Amino acid sequence: MKFFPKKLDIFISKQFLLLFVGTFFICQFVLMMQFLWRYVNVLIGKGLSLDVLAQFFWYMGLILLPEALPLAILLSSLITFGNLGESSELTAIKASGVSLMQVFKPLIIIVTLIMGLSFFFQNVIAPAANTKFGQLLLSMKQKNPELEIPEGIFYDGLPNCNLYVQKKDADTGKLYGIMIYRMTGSFEDQAIILADSGMLQSTEEKKHLLLTLWSGEWFENMQAQELAGSASVPYRRETFAHKVLVLDFDGDFNLTDASALNNNARGKSLQKIQNDIDSLTIEYDSVGRAHLRDLYAIYYKTPDLSKKDKAKSEKLAQTADANIDTLLNRMSAERRQGVVSNALHRVQGEMTELEFKSVITKEGDRLIRSHKIEGIKKFTLALTCLIFFFIGAPLGAIIRKGGLGFPVLISVIVFIIYYILQNTGYRMSRGGMWSIWFGMGLAPAVLIPSAAFLTYKANNDSVVFNMDIWRDLLMRALGMRLKRHVNMKEVIINDPDYLGDAEQLKRISKEVTDYSHEHNLKSAPNVIKVFFKYQPDHEIERLSDELEATIDDLSNTRDREIMKWLNHYPILSTKAHTRPFERRWLNILSAIIVPLGIFFYCRMWRFRLRLLKDLKNIKIANTNIISRIKEITHND
C-alpha cells in the first residue's frame, strides 16, 4: 500500500498524456482549418510557391498552438476520467481509499507545467511567429491588391494608403464610394481623398499600381516644420473630375518591410507591450495637448479686420439693437456673398481638421487598448488550461462515458461557451464599450465558478450530470416510457406455477374490467381533485404490483409463446394519471400559473387515456397466456 499512490499517479499520467498528445494534434488541425478559411481568398489565384505556402502554414500552426492546448486538455481529461468511470476503475480507486483530488494531483502538476509552457510560448515564440505571419500575409495581399479590396471596411494593403470602398463591382472591378487616407512620415502631411468612383489596375511590368479616380475632392494638410508652432493650419483643397495616382508596386512576391507591423500588439512580448504602452501614452497625450492648444487658439483668435471695420464692429456691438442679419442686409450683394462664402469655407476647414484629429486620437486609443488586451490575454489564455482541466476531469468522472463520442460533444459545447464569452469580451474591450479588465476577465469569471462547482460535485459522487437520470426524467415529463423486454433465461431453477399464475391472471382481468367501469377513464379529470384535493389511486398500484409478480414468475418458462405475450404487457404509470406532482404546493402553483396548469391538465388526461389502453392490452395478454397455459397443462 505504501507505493500504491505512486503507481497510480504513473498510471493516470500515462493515460492522460497519451490522450493529450492525440487530442492536441486533432485540435490543432481543426483550429488551423477554421483559421485557414478566413484567408482562403488570400491564397487562391496568387501563384504562390510551395515554400511560401509552407511558411504560411508553419507560422499559422505556431500562432494557434496556445489556443489548441486548453481544448486538448479539456478533451483528454474528459476522455481519461470517462474511460476510468466507464470501466469501473475510478470506483475501485475510490473504494481503496484514494479521494478524487488525490487522483487529480499528478495531472494538476502536469497541467500547471503546460500552463507555464503556454505562457512562455505566448511571450517568447508566438510574438515572432505573429510578426512573420503578418509580414507574409501582407506580402500575399500585395501580390495582386486589386483582387483583395473588400467592401465596407478599410483596406491597408496598398503602399502608404488606407482605402475604404462602399461598393465594388465584381465583374468590371470598378469601385464606388471611395475614401482614401494617404499616409506619409508624419501626421501633419497626411491627406484625405474622396471620390465617387475609381479603378485600381497594375501596370504591365507589375512595378506600379494605377489608381484612377473620378469626381472627387482632395484635402491635404500643408503644415510645414516652420509652421509647427502656429495655431493656424493651412490646408490644400482640390476638386477634380478625373485624377490618376501612381503607386509603387512590385508584382513579384517579395516580403514587405516588417516596420509596417510595429504597432501589431500580437507580435510583442509582455515587456515590449508594457514599454510601448508607456511610449504610446506619452505620444498621444502630447498630441491631445497640441489639439487642445489649437482649439483654444481657434476660439480666442479674432479675424483680420482693417482698423476702420474693427472700429465699426466694436461700435455696433455696443448698441442694444445689434443684429447679424441687419449687418448683412446693409452690405452689397457681392460683399454679402463673399462674407458667406468665406464663413462657409472656414467652417468646412474646421470640420475637416476636427475629423482628421478625431481619426488620430481614435487610432491612439485603439493602439493602447490593443496592447493592454494582448498583455492580459497572455495570462488568461494560459490560465484557461487549468480551468479546462477542472471542467473536463470532474465532468468525465461524473458522466463516466469514454471514447470519442460523448466527450467530444461535451467538449464542443464547453468550448463554444468559452469562445462566445471570450470573443464577446475581446470585441467589446477592443471597441471601448467595456473596460479592458471586465471584457478579458468575462470568460474566466464565468468558467472558474463552474469548474469549482463541477469539482465539488465530482468529489462528492454527485449524479446531477448522470445522463441516464436526465433521460429518464425527460421521458417521464414527455409521457414516454420504455418497452418491456423479458428474455429467455439460460438457467431456470424453479419452473413457474402455471395453474396459480393462470388463476391470478383471471382475477387481474376481472379487477381491470371493474376498475375501467368504475373510474370512467375516457372522461376528463376533475380539476379540483387534480390540483387541490388529490387522492392517491392505491387500486392501480396494487394491480400493477400483482401483475409484475405474475410476470416475474412466468419469466421462468421455456415456452416461447408465453414469453412473446409477456413482452406485450405495458409498464403501468401508477401515479401520472392522478396528479402532476407529488407535492401539493407544486400542484396548486401549477394551477395558479394558468398556461402551465393547462399543459399539466391535458397531460393527465392523456395519461388516463393511455392507462385505459394499457388495461385493455393487459386483458388481451392475460387471455392469450391463460389459453396457452391450458394447452401446456392439458398436454402434461
Foldseek 3Di string as FASTA:
>chain_A
DVCVLVVLLVVLVVQLVVQLVVQLVVLLVVVLVVVVVVCVLLPPPLPDDPVLVVLLSVLSSLQCNLVSLQLSLLLSLLQSLLQCLQVCVVVVCVVVPQFPVSSCVSVLVVLLVVLVVLLCSQQPPNLQSVLVNVLSSLLSCQLFVLSPDDAPAWDDSAPQKTKHFNDADPVPSKTAFIWMWGHDDDLQFIKIKTAGIWHWDADPQQFKIKIKGAFIKIKTWPDDPVCVPPLDTDIDMDTDGIDIDIGTGHNDRDGDDSVVCPLPLSNHHLVVLVVVLVVLVVVVVVVVVSVVVSVVCVVPDDDDDDPVVVVVVVVLVPDPPRDPVVVLVPDDPVVSVVVVVVVVVVVVVVVVVVVSSVVVNVVSVLSSLSSVLSSVCSNLSSVSSSLSNLQNNLNSLQQSHHDCPPSVVVSVVLVVVLCVLQVQLVVCSSVVVDPSCCSNCRSVVVSVVVSVVSNVCSSVNHNPVHVVVVVVVVCVVVVHDDFDDQDQDPDFDDAFPLVVLLVLLVVLLVLLVVVCVVPVLLDQDDLCCAQPVFDFDVSVVVSLVSVVVSLVRNSSDPDVQLNVLSRLQGNADRGLLGYPDPDNVVSNVLVVVPVSNVVSSVSNSVSSVVVNVNSVSSNVSSVSSSVVSVVVVVVD
